[in-house]
Amino acid sequence: MDKNITRRNELLAEKVIKGLTSRNMSGYYAADKTEALKIALSLIPEGSSVTMGGCMSAVEIGLVDAVKCGNYVFIDRGAYEDKRQAMLDAYDADFFLTSANAMTEDGVMVNIDGNANRVSAIAQGPKKVIVIVGMNKICDDIDGAMKRARNVAAPINAQRFGLSTPCSKTGSCFNCKSPDTICCQFLITRYSRHEGRIHVILVNDNLGF
């Protein structure tokens, strides 16, 4: 990555981490995907039970493969016939891996979900949450973060899942009530009541959507 972009990301990450700290969440900065993977694994003791929501960022840094191949108990939703049971088992996991659709410069996370399994696990359930966030997802404020989540993340995910929503056809949000909508629940995480539960790894890269 260009050294000027990297320097900008380093300075911006310092601001975000300061904001996260003020919100009782832990923040880390990784210079690249390799360092992000190293930080994430340092937070997960061997033998821990680990699960995830739909998180392309965790896949992209190699975290999902590392957990599946390592000495961990991976709760794999794809291996369950009963998807509801998979989601319920996830709430009792030691670690939940996820990303954010957007994050503000002062450390507020914004997430949109269709089935609510991801946003509900971020809010409550798993003992710890590890959030992998590319610096491409940092926005000025809540308004900007909401716009990014609805007009960037949601249309791309709707296209990825082959859904018939207005945004999948136009690339922007129509605030629709389509049966296929994935914008069912909105979670704004502005503070964590439980110290040490939410860990955010900011990565000097463009990750996820």
N, C-alpha and C. Protein backbone atom coordinates (compact mmCIF):
# COMPACT_ATOMS: atom_id res chain seq x y z
N MET A 1 0.84 -1.19 0.00
CA MET A 1 0.00 0.00 0.00
C MET A 1 0.88 1.25 0.00
N ASP A 2 0.42 2.30 -0.67
CA ASP A 2 1.16 3.56 -0.75
C ASP A 2 1.50 4.06 0.65
N LYS A 3 2.73 4.55 0.82
CA LYS A 3 3.20 4.95 2.15
C LYS A 3 2.39 6.12 2.72
N ASN A 4 1.88 7.00 1.84
CA ASN A 4 1.09 8.13 2.32
C ASN A 4 -0.28 7.67 2.82
N ILE A 5 -0.86 6.69 2.13
CA ILE A 5 -2.12 6.13 2.59
C ILE A 5 -1.92 5.40 3.91
N THR A 6 -0.82 4.66 3.99
CA THR A 6 -0.51 3.94 5.22
C THR A 6 -0.36 4.90 6.39
N ARG A 7 0.35 6.00 6.18
CA ARG A 7 0.55 6.97 7.27
C ARG A 7 -0.78 7.58 7.68
N ARG A 8 -1.62 7.89 6.70
CA ARG A 8 -2.95 8.42 7.02
C ARG A 8 -3.74 7.40 7.83
N ASN A 9 -3.68 6.12 7.44
CA ASN A 9 -4.41 5.08 8.16
C ASN A 9 -3.90 4.90 9.58
N GLU A 10 -2.59 5.01 9.75
CA GLU A 10 -2.01 4.90 11.10
C GLU A 10 -2.55 6.01 12.01
N LEU A 11 -2.58 7.23 11.49
CA LEU A 11 -3.06 8.36 12.29
C LEU A 11 -4.55 8.24 12.58
N LEU A 12 -5.31 7.82 11.57
CA LEU A 12 -6.75 7.67 11.76
C LEU A 12 -7.04 6.54 12.74
N ALA A 13 -6.27 5.47 12.65
CA ALA A 13 -6.47 4.34 13.57
C ALA A 13 -6.23 4.75 15.01
N GLU A 14 -5.25 5.62 15.24
CA GLU A 14 -5.00 6.11 16.60
C GLU A 14 -6.24 6.80 17.16
N LYS A 15 -6.90 7.57 16.31
CA LYS A 15 -8.11 8.28 16.72
C LYS A 15 -9.24 7.29 17.02
N VAL A 16 -9.40 6.31 16.14
CA VAL A 16 -10.46 5.32 16.34
C VAL A 16 -10.22 4.51 17.61
N ILE A 17 -8.98 4.09 17.83
CA ILE A 17 -8.65 3.30 19.02
C ILE A 17 -8.89 4.10 20.29
N LYS A 18 -8.57 5.38 20.26
CA LYS A 18 -8.86 6.25 21.41
C LYS A 18 -10.36 6.29 21.67
N GLY A 19 -11.15 6.38 20.60
CA GLY A 19 -12.59 6.37 20.75
C GLY A 19 -13.10 5.05 21.29
N LEU A 20 -12.56 3.95 20.81
CA LEU A 20 -12.96 2.63 21.31
C LEU A 20 -12.65 2.49 22.79
N THR A 21 -11.47 2.93 23.19
CA THR A 21 -11.09 2.86 24.60
C THR A 21 -12.07 3.62 25.47
N SER A 22 -12.49 4.79 25.01
CA SER A 22 -13.45 5.60 25.78
C SER A 22 -14.82 4.92 25.86
N ARG A 23 -15.04 3.94 24.98
CA ARG A 23 -16.32 3.24 24.93
C ARG A 23 -16.21 1.83 25.53
N ASN A 24 -15.15 1.59 26.29
CA ASN A 24 -14.95 0.32 27.00
C ASN A 24 -14.73 -0.85 26.05
N MET A 25 -14.17 -0.56 24.87
CA MET A 25 -13.79 -1.60 23.91
C MET A 25 -12.29 -1.51 23.65
N SER A 26 -11.70 -2.62 23.24
CA SER A 26 -10.26 -2.66 22.98
C SER A 26 -10.00 -2.51 21.50
N GLY A 27 -9.03 -1.68 21.14
CA GLY A 27 -8.68 -1.47 19.75
C GLY A 27 -7.23 -1.80 19.46
N TYR A 28 -6.97 -2.31 18.26
CA TYR A 28 -5.63 -2.69 17.83
C TYR A 28 -5.45 -2.24 16.38
N TYR A 29 -4.23 -1.97 16.00
CA TYR A 29 -3.95 -1.61 14.61
C TYR A 29 -2.98 -2.61 14.02
N ALA A 30 -3.33 -3.15 12.85
CA ALA A 30 -2.47 -4.10 12.15
C ALA A 30 -2.00 -3.49 10.85
N ALA A 31 -0.70 -3.54 10.59
CA ALA A 31 -0.13 -2.94 9.39
C ALA A 31 -0.52 -3.69 8.12
N ASP A 32 -0.92 -4.97 8.27
CA ASP A 32 -1.33 -5.76 7.11
C ASP A 32 -2.14 -6.97 7.59
N LYS A 33 -2.56 -7.81 6.65
CA LYS A 33 -3.39 -8.96 6.99
C LYS A 33 -2.65 -9.95 7.88
N THR A 34 -1.35 -10.12 7.62
CA THR A 34 -0.56 -11.07 8.41
C THR A 34 -0.52 -10.66 9.87
N GLU A 35 -0.31 -9.37 10.11
CA GLU A 35 -0.28 -8.88 11.49
C GLU A 35 -1.66 -8.96 12.12
N ALA A 36 -2.69 -8.71 11.33
CA ALA A 36 -4.07 -8.80 11.86
C ALA A 36 -4.36 -10.22 12.32
N LEU A 37 -3.95 -11.20 11.54
CA LEU A 37 -4.14 -12.61 11.92
C LEU A 37 -3.40 -12.92 13.21
N LYS A 38 -2.17 -12.44 13.32
CA LYS A 38 -1.37 -12.69 14.51
C LYS A 38 -2.04 -12.09 15.76
N ILE A 39 -2.55 -10.87 15.64
CA ILE A 39 -3.22 -10.23 16.77
C ILE A 39 -4.47 -11.01 17.17
N ALA A 40 -5.26 -11.39 16.16
CA ALA A 40 -6.50 -12.11 16.44
C ALA A 40 -6.23 -13.43 17.16
N LEU A 41 -5.26 -14.19 16.68
CA LEU A 41 -4.97 -15.48 17.30
C LEU A 41 -4.39 -15.32 18.70
N SER A 42 -3.70 -14.20 18.95
CA SER A 42 -3.16 -13.96 20.29
C SER A 42 -4.27 -13.72 21.31
N LEU A 43 -5.44 -13.37 20.82
CA LEU A 43 -6.58 -13.10 21.71
C LEU A 43 -7.40 -14.35 22.01
N ILE A 44 -7.17 -15.44 21.23
CA ILE A 44 -8.00 -16.64 21.34
C ILE A 44 -7.16 -17.79 21.90
N PRO A 45 -7.34 -18.15 23.16
CA PRO A 45 -6.58 -19.28 23.72
C PRO A 45 -6.95 -20.59 23.02
N GLU A 46 -5.99 -21.47 22.87
CA GLU A 46 -6.26 -22.77 22.28
C GLU A 46 -7.30 -23.50 23.13
N GLY A 47 -8.16 -24.25 22.45
CA GLY A 47 -9.22 -24.96 23.14
C GLY A 47 -10.51 -24.19 23.23
N SER A 48 -10.47 -22.91 22.86
CA SER A 48 -11.67 -22.07 22.92
C SER A 48 -12.67 -22.50 21.85
N SER A 49 -13.95 -22.29 22.16
CA SER A 49 -14.98 -22.49 21.14
C SER A 49 -15.14 -21.17 20.38
N VAL A 50 -15.19 -21.30 19.05
CA VAL A 50 -15.20 -20.12 18.18
C VAL A 50 -16.28 -20.28 17.12
N THR A 51 -17.00 -19.21 16.87
CA THR A 51 -17.98 -19.20 15.78
C THR A 51 -17.92 -17.84 15.09
N MET A 52 -18.77 -17.66 14.11
CA MET A 52 -18.70 -16.41 13.35
C MET A 52 -20.04 -16.09 12.70
N GLY A 53 -20.21 -14.82 12.35
CA GLY A 53 -21.31 -14.42 11.49
C GLY A 53 -20.79 -14.44 10.07
N GLY A 54 -21.54 -13.85 9.16
CA GLY A 54 -21.04 -13.76 7.79
C GLY A 54 -19.96 -12.69 7.72
N CYS A 55 -18.71 -13.09 7.79
CA CYS A 55 -17.61 -12.13 7.94
C CYS A 55 -16.52 -12.38 6.90
N MET A 56 -16.60 -11.69 5.77
CA MET A 56 -15.60 -11.86 4.74
C MET A 56 -14.23 -11.36 5.20
N SER A 57 -14.21 -10.35 6.07
CA SER A 57 -12.93 -9.80 6.53
C SER A 57 -12.12 -10.84 7.30
N ALA A 58 -12.79 -11.65 8.14
CA ALA A 58 -12.09 -12.71 8.87
C ALA A 58 -11.57 -13.78 7.92
N VAL A 59 -12.31 -14.03 6.85
CA VAL A 59 -11.85 -14.98 5.83
C VAL A 59 -10.63 -14.42 5.11
N GLU A 60 -10.68 -13.15 4.77
CA GLU A 60 -9.62 -12.54 3.97
C GLU A 60 -8.28 -12.46 4.68
N ILE A 61 -8.29 -12.33 6.01
CA ILE A 61 -7.01 -12.29 6.73
C ILE A 61 -6.52 -13.69 7.09
N GLY A 62 -7.31 -14.72 6.76
CA GLY A 62 -6.91 -16.10 7.05
C GLY A 62 -7.32 -16.60 8.41
N LEU A 63 -8.13 -15.83 9.13
CA LEU A 63 -8.50 -16.20 10.51
C LEU A 63 -9.41 -17.42 10.55
N VAL A 64 -10.35 -17.50 9.64
CA VAL A 64 -11.29 -18.62 9.65
C VAL A 64 -10.56 -19.93 9.38
N ASP A 65 -9.69 -19.95 8.39
CA ASP A 65 -8.92 -21.17 8.11
C ASP A 65 -8.02 -21.54 9.28
N ALA A 66 -7.42 -20.54 9.91
CA ALA A 66 -6.53 -20.80 11.05
C ALA A 66 -7.28 -21.43 12.21
N VAL A 67 -8.50 -20.96 12.45
CA VAL A 67 -9.30 -21.51 13.55
C VAL A 67 -9.77 -22.92 13.21
N LYS A 68 -10.21 -23.12 11.97
CA LYS A 68 -10.68 -24.45 11.56
C LYS A 68 -9.57 -25.49 11.64
N CYS A 69 -8.34 -25.07 11.32
CA CYS A 69 -7.22 -26.01 11.29
C CYS A 69 -6.46 -26.08 12.61
N GLY A 70 -6.75 -25.16 13.52
CA GLY A 70 -6.01 -25.10 14.78
C GLY A 70 -6.68 -25.87 15.90
N ASN A 71 -6.13 -25.71 17.09
CA ASN A 71 -6.63 -26.41 18.26
C ASN A 71 -7.77 -25.61 18.91
N TYR A 72 -8.87 -25.52 18.17
CA TYR A 72 -10.04 -24.79 18.64
C TYR A 72 -11.29 -25.62 18.34
N VAL A 73 -12.36 -25.29 19.02
CA VAL A 73 -13.65 -25.92 18.73
C VAL A 73 -14.43 -24.95 17.86
N PHE A 74 -14.50 -25.22 16.57
CA PHE A 74 -15.16 -24.31 15.64
C PHE A 74 -16.61 -24.71 15.45
N ILE A 75 -17.51 -23.81 15.78
CA ILE A 75 -18.95 -24.04 15.59
C ILE A 75 -19.29 -23.57 14.19
N ASP A 76 -19.41 -24.52 13.27
CA ASP A 76 -19.57 -24.23 11.85
C ASP A 76 -21.05 -24.31 11.49
N ARG A 77 -21.65 -23.16 11.23
CA ARG A 77 -23.08 -23.14 10.88
C ARG A 77 -23.37 -23.99 9.64
N GLY A 78 -22.41 -24.00 8.73
CA GLY A 78 -22.62 -24.75 7.49
C GLY A 78 -22.73 -26.25 7.69
N ALA A 79 -22.24 -26.75 8.83
CA ALA A 79 -22.27 -28.18 9.10
C ALA A 79 -23.56 -28.62 9.80
N TYR A 80 -24.40 -27.66 10.16
CA TYR A 80 -25.64 -27.97 10.87
C TYR A 80 -26.80 -28.13 9.88
N GLU A 81 -27.60 -29.17 10.09
CA GLU A 81 -28.86 -29.27 9.35
C GLU A 81 -29.89 -28.31 9.94
N ASP A 82 -29.87 -28.20 11.26
CA ASP A 82 -30.79 -27.30 11.96
C ASP A 82 -30.10 -25.95 12.15
N LYS A 83 -30.38 -25.00 11.27
CA LYS A 83 -29.71 -23.71 11.30
C LYS A 83 -30.04 -22.92 12.57
N ARG A 84 -31.24 -23.08 13.07
CA ARG A 84 -31.60 -22.39 14.31
C ARG A 84 -30.72 -22.89 15.46
N GLN A 85 -30.48 -24.19 15.52
CA GLN A 85 -29.65 -24.74 16.58
C GLN A 85 -28.22 -24.22 16.46
N ALA A 86 -27.75 -24.06 15.23
CA ALA A 86 -26.41 -23.51 15.02
C ALA A 86 -26.31 -22.11 15.59
N MET A 87 -27.34 -21.31 15.35
CA MET A 87 -27.35 -19.94 15.87
C MET A 87 -27.42 -19.92 17.39
N LEU A 88 -28.21 -20.82 17.95
CA LEU A 88 -28.33 -20.88 19.41
C LEU A 88 -27.00 -21.33 20.04
N ASP A 89 -26.34 -22.30 19.43
CA ASP A 89 -25.05 -22.76 19.94
C ASP A 89 -24.01 -21.64 19.89
N ALA A 90 -24.13 -20.78 18.89
CA ALA A 90 -23.18 -19.68 18.75
C ALA A 90 -23.22 -18.72 19.94
N TYR A 91 -24.39 -18.56 20.54
CA TYR A 91 -24.52 -17.62 21.66
C TYR A 91 -23.73 -18.06 22.88
N ASP A 92 -23.39 -19.35 22.95
CA ASP A 92 -22.65 -19.86 24.11
C ASP A 92 -21.16 -20.02 23.81
N ALA A 93 -20.72 -19.53 22.65
CA ALA A 93 -19.31 -19.68 22.25
C ALA A 93 -18.41 -18.76 23.08
N ASP A 94 -17.15 -19.15 23.16
CA ASP A 94 -16.16 -18.30 23.84
C ASP A 94 -15.86 -17.06 23.00
N PHE A 95 -15.80 -17.23 21.66
CA PHE A 95 -15.44 -16.13 20.77
C PHE A 95 -16.37 -16.09 19.57
N PHE A 96 -16.76 -14.89 19.20
CA PHE A 96 -17.55 -14.66 17.99
C PHE A 96 -16.75 -13.77 17.07
N LEU A 97 -16.54 -14.23 15.84
CA LEU A 97 -15.77 -13.47 14.85
C LEU A 97 -16.74 -12.72 13.93
N THR A 98 -16.48 -11.45 13.73
CA THR A 98 -17.35 -10.66 12.88
C THR A 98 -16.59 -9.46 12.33
N SER A 99 -17.30 -8.65 11.56
CA SER A 99 -16.76 -7.37 11.12
C SER A 99 -17.80 -6.31 11.43
N ALA A 100 -17.60 -5.13 10.89
CA ALA A 100 -18.59 -4.06 11.00
C ALA A 100 -18.90 -3.59 9.59
N ASN A 101 -20.15 -3.21 9.35
CA ASN A 101 -20.48 -2.63 8.05
C ASN A 101 -19.87 -1.24 7.92
N ALA A 102 -19.71 -0.58 9.07
CA ALA A 102 -19.06 0.73 9.10
C ALA A 102 -18.69 1.06 10.53
N MET A 103 -17.73 1.98 10.68
CA MET A 103 -17.31 2.43 12.02
C MET A 103 -16.96 3.90 11.94
N THR A 104 -17.32 4.64 12.97
CA THR A 104 -17.02 6.06 12.99
C THR A 104 -15.61 6.32 13.50
N GLU A 105 -15.11 7.51 13.23
CA GLU A 105 -13.77 7.87 13.67
C GLU A 105 -13.65 7.90 15.19
N ASP A 106 -14.79 8.04 15.90
CA ASP A 106 -14.72 8.03 17.36
C ASP A 106 -15.16 6.70 17.96
N GLY A 107 -15.15 5.63 17.14
CA GLY A 107 -15.28 4.28 17.68
C GLY A 107 -16.67 3.70 17.82
N VAL A 108 -17.64 4.23 17.11
CA VAL A 108 -18.99 3.66 17.12
C VAL A 108 -19.14 2.69 15.95
N MET A 109 -19.66 1.48 16.22
CA MET A 109 -19.85 0.48 15.17
C MET A 109 -21.29 0.48 14.68
N VAL A 110 -21.44 0.30 13.37
CA VAL A 110 -22.76 0.20 12.76
C VAL A 110 -22.84 -1.12 11.99
N ASN A 111 -23.90 -1.89 12.26
CA ASN A 111 -24.12 -3.15 11.56
C ASN A 111 -25.58 -3.30 11.18
N ILE A 112 -25.81 -3.86 10.00
CA ILE A 112 -27.15 -4.17 9.50
C ILE A 112 -27.23 -5.67 9.28
N ASP A 113 -28.38 -6.26 9.59
CA ASP A 113 -28.51 -7.71 9.49
C ASP A 113 -29.90 -8.10 8.99
N GLY A 114 -29.97 -9.27 8.39
CA GLY A 114 -31.24 -9.79 7.91
C GLY A 114 -31.89 -10.72 8.92
N ASN A 115 -31.15 -11.76 9.34
CA ASN A 115 -31.69 -12.74 10.29
C ASN A 115 -31.41 -12.38 11.75
N ALA A 116 -30.57 -11.40 11.97
CA ALA A 116 -30.23 -10.89 13.31
C ALA A 116 -29.28 -11.79 14.09
N ASN A 117 -28.84 -12.91 13.52
CA ASN A 117 -27.91 -13.76 14.27
C ASN A 117 -26.59 -13.05 14.52
N ARG A 118 -26.15 -12.24 13.56
CA ARG A 118 -24.86 -11.55 13.71
C ARG A 118 -24.98 -10.39 14.70
N VAL A 119 -25.97 -9.52 14.49
CA VAL A 119 -26.06 -8.35 15.38
C VAL A 119 -26.45 -8.75 16.80
N SER A 120 -27.24 -9.80 16.94
CA SER A 120 -27.62 -10.22 18.29
C SER A 120 -26.43 -10.80 19.04
N ALA A 121 -25.54 -11.51 18.32
CA ALA A 121 -24.35 -12.07 18.97
C ALA A 121 -23.34 -11.00 19.33
N ILE A 122 -23.28 -9.94 18.54
CA ILE A 122 -22.42 -8.81 18.89
C ILE A 122 -22.93 -8.17 20.18
N ALA A 123 -24.24 -8.03 20.28
CA ALA A 123 -24.84 -7.34 21.42
C ALA A 123 -24.82 -8.18 22.69
N GLN A 124 -25.01 -9.49 22.56
CA GLN A 124 -25.17 -10.32 23.75
C GLN A 124 -24.95 -11.78 23.39
N GLY A 125 -24.37 -12.55 24.31
CA GLY A 125 -24.24 -13.99 24.08
C GLY A 125 -22.81 -14.46 24.21
N PRO A 126 -22.06 -14.56 23.10
CA PRO A 126 -20.68 -15.05 23.17
C PRO A 126 -19.86 -14.26 24.19
N LYS A 127 -18.94 -14.95 24.83
CA LYS A 127 -18.17 -14.31 25.90
C LYS A 127 -17.33 -13.14 25.37
N LYS A 128 -16.74 -13.31 24.19
CA LYS A 128 -15.92 -12.25 23.61
C LYS A 128 -16.23 -12.12 22.12
N VAL A 129 -16.04 -10.93 21.60
CA VAL A 129 -16.30 -10.65 20.20
C VAL A 129 -15.04 -10.03 19.59
N ILE A 130 -14.58 -10.60 18.48
CA ILE A 130 -13.43 -10.05 17.75
C ILE A 130 -13.94 -9.50 16.43
N VAL A 131 -13.72 -8.21 16.22
CA VAL A 131 -14.24 -7.51 15.05
C VAL A 131 -13.06 -7.12 14.14
N ILE A 132 -13.06 -7.63 12.91
CA ILE A 132 -12.01 -7.32 11.95
C ILE A 132 -12.52 -6.21 11.03
N VAL A 133 -11.83 -5.07 11.01
CA VAL A 133 -12.33 -3.92 10.26
C VAL A 133 -11.22 -3.34 9.38
N GLY A 134 -11.44 -3.39 8.07
CA GLY A 134 -10.53 -2.71 7.15
C GLY A 134 -10.69 -1.21 7.28
N MET A 135 -9.63 -0.47 7.02
CA MET A 135 -9.69 0.98 7.16
C MET A 135 -10.62 1.63 6.13
N ASN A 136 -11.02 0.86 5.12
CA ASN A 136 -11.99 1.37 4.14
C ASN A 136 -13.38 1.57 4.74
N LYS A 137 -13.61 1.04 5.93
CA LYS A 137 -14.93 1.12 6.55
C LYS A 137 -15.06 2.26 7.57
N ILE A 138 -14.01 3.04 7.75
CA ILE A 138 -14.05 4.14 8.72
C ILE A 138 -14.73 5.36 8.09
N CYS A 139 -15.71 5.89 8.81
CA CYS A 139 -16.50 7.03 8.33
C CYS A 139 -16.41 8.18 9.33
N ASP A 140 -16.78 9.37 8.87
CA ASP A 140 -16.67 10.56 9.71
C ASP A 140 -17.53 10.46 10.96
N ASP A 141 -18.80 10.05 10.78
CA ASP A 141 -19.76 10.10 11.88
C ASP A 141 -20.85 9.06 11.66
N ILE A 142 -21.84 9.03 12.55
CA ILE A 142 -22.92 8.05 12.47
C ILE A 142 -23.67 8.15 11.14
N ASP A 143 -23.95 9.37 10.73
CA ASP A 143 -24.67 9.56 9.47
C ASP A 143 -23.91 8.93 8.31
N GLY A 144 -22.61 9.20 8.25
CA GLY A 144 -21.79 8.62 7.20
C GLY A 144 -21.71 7.10 7.30
N ALA A 145 -21.64 6.60 8.53
CA ALA A 145 -21.57 5.15 8.73
C ALA A 145 -22.86 4.47 8.30
N MET A 146 -24.00 5.08 8.61
CA MET A 146 -25.28 4.52 8.20
C MET A 146 -25.40 4.53 6.68
N LYS A 147 -24.96 5.61 6.06
CA LYS A 147 -25.02 5.69 4.60
C LYS A 147 -24.13 4.63 3.97
N ARG A 148 -22.95 4.42 4.55
CA ARG A 148 -22.06 3.38 4.00
C ARG A 148 -22.70 2.00 4.14
N ALA A 149 -23.24 1.71 5.32
CA ALA A 149 -23.85 0.41 5.57
C ALA A 149 -24.99 0.14 4.59
N ARG A 150 -25.80 1.16 4.34
CA ARG A 150 -27.00 0.98 3.52
C ARG A 150 -26.71 1.06 2.02
N ASN A 151 -25.73 1.86 1.61
CA ASN A 151 -25.51 2.11 0.19
C ASN A 151 -24.27 1.44 -0.39
N VAL A 152 -23.44 0.87 0.48
CA VAL A 152 -22.26 0.14 0.01
C VAL A 152 -22.36 -1.32 0.43
N ALA A 153 -22.39 -1.57 1.74
CA ALA A 153 -22.39 -2.95 2.24
C ALA A 153 -23.64 -3.72 1.84
N ALA A 154 -24.81 -3.11 2.05
CA ALA A 154 -26.06 -3.84 1.80
C ALA A 154 -26.24 -4.23 0.34
N PRO A 155 -26.07 -3.31 -0.62
CA PRO A 155 -26.23 -3.71 -2.02
C PRO A 155 -25.26 -4.81 -2.46
N ILE A 156 -24.01 -4.72 -2.00
CA ILE A 156 -23.03 -5.74 -2.39
C ILE A 156 -23.40 -7.09 -1.80
N ASN A 157 -23.83 -7.11 -0.55
CA ASN A 157 -24.22 -8.37 0.08
C ASN A 157 -25.48 -8.94 -0.55
N ALA A 158 -26.42 -8.07 -0.92
CA ALA A 158 -27.63 -8.54 -1.59
C ALA A 158 -27.28 -9.18 -2.93
N GLN A 159 -26.34 -8.59 -3.64
CA GLN A 159 -25.88 -9.17 -4.90
C GLN A 159 -25.15 -10.49 -4.66
N ARG A 160 -24.34 -10.51 -3.60
CA ARG A 160 -23.56 -11.71 -3.28
C ARG A 160 -24.47 -12.90 -2.99
N PHE A 161 -25.60 -12.63 -2.33
CA PHE A 161 -26.53 -13.70 -1.97
C PHE A 161 -27.59 -13.95 -3.05
N GLY A 162 -27.51 -13.21 -4.15
CA GLY A 162 -28.46 -13.41 -5.22
C GLY A 162 -29.88 -13.00 -4.86
N LEU A 163 -30.03 -11.95 -4.08
CA LEU A 163 -31.35 -11.53 -3.60
C LEU A 163 -31.99 -10.54 -4.58
N SER A 164 -33.31 -10.57 -4.61
CA SER A 164 -34.05 -9.69 -5.51
C SER A 164 -34.53 -8.46 -4.75
N THR A 165 -33.61 -7.55 -4.51
CA THR A 165 -33.93 -6.30 -3.83
C THR A 165 -33.65 -5.14 -4.77
N PRO A 166 -34.29 -3.99 -4.57
CA PRO A 166 -33.98 -2.84 -5.41
C PRO A 166 -32.49 -2.48 -5.40
N CYS A 167 -31.86 -2.57 -4.24
CA CYS A 167 -30.45 -2.18 -4.16
C CYS A 167 -29.55 -3.12 -4.94
N SER A 168 -29.94 -4.39 -5.07
CA SER A 168 -29.11 -5.34 -5.83
C SER A 168 -29.14 -5.03 -7.32
N LYS A 169 -30.20 -4.31 -7.74
CA LYS A 169 -30.35 -3.96 -9.15
C LYS A 169 -29.81 -2.57 -9.48
N THR A 170 -29.79 -1.68 -8.47
CA THR A 170 -29.39 -0.29 -8.72
C THR A 170 -28.10 0.10 -8.03
N GLY A 171 -27.72 -0.64 -6.95
CA GLY A 171 -26.50 -0.32 -6.22
C GLY A 171 -26.68 0.69 -5.12
N SER A 172 -27.94 1.11 -4.86
CA SER A 172 -28.17 2.06 -3.76
C SER A 172 -29.45 1.71 -3.03
N CYS A 173 -29.56 2.18 -1.80
CA CYS A 173 -30.67 1.82 -0.92
C CYS A 173 -31.96 2.53 -1.32
N PHE A 174 -33.06 1.76 -1.30
CA PHE A 174 -34.39 2.31 -1.55
C PHE A 174 -35.25 2.26 -0.29
N ASN A 175 -34.64 1.93 0.86
CA ASN A 175 -35.39 1.79 2.11
C ASN A 175 -36.58 0.86 1.90
N CYS A 176 -36.32 -0.25 1.22
CA CYS A 176 -37.39 -1.13 0.76
C CYS A 176 -37.94 -2.03 1.86
N LYS A 177 -39.08 -2.62 1.55
CA LYS A 177 -39.69 -3.65 2.39
C LYS A 177 -39.83 -4.93 1.58
N SER A 178 -38.86 -5.17 0.73
CA SER A 178 -38.85 -6.37 -0.09
C SER A 178 -38.76 -7.61 0.80
N PRO A 179 -39.41 -8.70 0.42
CA PRO A 179 -39.28 -9.95 1.19
C PRO A 179 -37.83 -10.41 1.30
N ASP A 180 -36.99 -9.98 0.37
CA ASP A 180 -35.58 -10.38 0.39
C ASP A 180 -34.68 -9.40 1.14
N THR A 181 -35.25 -8.33 1.68
CA THR A 181 -34.40 -7.32 2.29
C THR A 181 -33.49 -7.90 3.36
N ILE A 182 -32.25 -7.42 3.40
CA ILE A 182 -31.33 -7.83 4.47
C ILE A 182 -31.16 -6.69 5.48
N CYS A 183 -31.88 -5.61 5.28
CA CYS A 183 -31.83 -4.48 6.20
C CYS A 183 -32.98 -4.56 7.20
N CYS A 184 -32.98 -5.63 7.99
CA CYS A 184 -34.08 -5.87 8.94
C CYS A 184 -33.78 -5.31 10.33
N GLN A 185 -32.54 -5.49 10.78
CA GLN A 185 -32.14 -5.00 12.10
C GLN A 185 -30.89 -4.11 11.94
N PHE A 186 -30.89 -3.00 12.68
CA PHE A 186 -29.76 -2.08 12.69
C PHE A 186 -29.20 -2.07 14.10
N LEU A 187 -27.89 -2.30 14.23
CA LEU A 187 -27.25 -2.27 15.55
C LEU A 187 -26.18 -1.18 15.57
N ILE A 188 -26.33 -0.25 16.49
CA ILE A 188 -25.31 0.78 16.73
C ILE A 188 -24.66 0.47 18.07
N THR A 189 -23.39 0.13 18.04
CA THR A 189 -22.66 -0.20 19.27
C THR A 189 -21.83 1.01 19.66
N ARG A 190 -22.32 1.75 20.65
CA ARG A 190 -21.65 2.99 21.07
C ARG A 190 -20.87 2.81 22.38
N TYR A 191 -21.13 1.70 23.08
CA TYR A 191 -20.45 1.45 24.35
C TYR A 191 -20.61 -0.02 24.70
N SER A 192 -19.60 -0.60 25.33
CA SER A 192 -19.69 -1.97 25.82
C SER A 192 -19.71 -1.95 27.35
N ARG A 193 -20.79 -2.43 27.90
CA ARG A 193 -20.88 -2.44 29.36
C ARG A 193 -19.88 -3.39 29.98
N HIS A 194 -19.48 -4.43 29.21
CA HIS A 194 -18.60 -5.47 29.75
C HIS A 194 -17.18 -5.25 29.26
N GLU A 195 -16.32 -4.78 30.13
CA GLU A 195 -14.93 -4.51 29.78
C GLU A 195 -14.23 -5.77 29.30
N GLY A 196 -13.48 -5.65 28.21
CA GLY A 196 -12.71 -6.79 27.69
C GLY A 196 -13.51 -7.73 26.81
N ARG A 197 -14.76 -7.39 26.53
CA ARG A 197 -15.57 -8.30 25.70
C ARG A 197 -15.38 -8.05 24.20
N ILE A 198 -15.39 -6.80 23.78
CA ILE A 198 -15.31 -6.48 22.35
C ILE A 198 -13.91 -5.99 21.99
N HIS A 199 -13.30 -6.68 21.02
CA HIS A 199 -11.95 -6.35 20.55
C HIS A 199 -12.03 -6.02 19.06
N VAL A 200 -11.58 -4.84 18.69
CA VAL A 200 -11.64 -4.39 17.30
C VAL A 200 -10.23 -4.31 16.73
N ILE A 201 -9.98 -5.05 15.66
CA ILE A 201 -8.68 -5.02 14.99
C ILE A 201 -8.82 -4.22 13.69
N LEU A 202 -8.20 -3.07 13.65
CA LEU A 202 -8.21 -2.21 12.46
C LEU A 202 -7.06 -2.63 11.56
N VAL A 203 -7.36 -2.87 10.29
CA VAL A 203 -6.36 -3.41 9.37
C VAL A 203 -6.06 -2.42 8.26
N ASN A 204 -4.79 -2.18 8.02
CA ASN A 204 -4.35 -1.28 6.97
C ASN A 204 -4.53 -1.94 5.60
N ASP A 205 -5.81 -2.10 5.24
CA ASP A 205 -6.15 -2.76 3.98
C ASP A 205 -7.62 -2.52 3.69
N ASN A 206 -8.04 -2.79 2.48
CA ASN A 206 -9.46 -2.75 2.12
C ASN A 206 -10.01 -4.16 2.29
N LEU A 207 -10.87 -4.35 3.29
CA LEU A 207 -11.41 -5.66 3.59
C LEU A 207 -12.93 -5.64 3.55
N GLY A 208 -13.51 -6.76 3.14
CA GLY A 208 -14.96 -6.90 3.19
C GLY A 208 -15.67 -5.91 2.29
N PHE A 209 -16.93 -5.65 2.67
CA PHE A 209 -17.78 -4.80 1.84
C PHE A 209 -18.31 -3.61 2.63
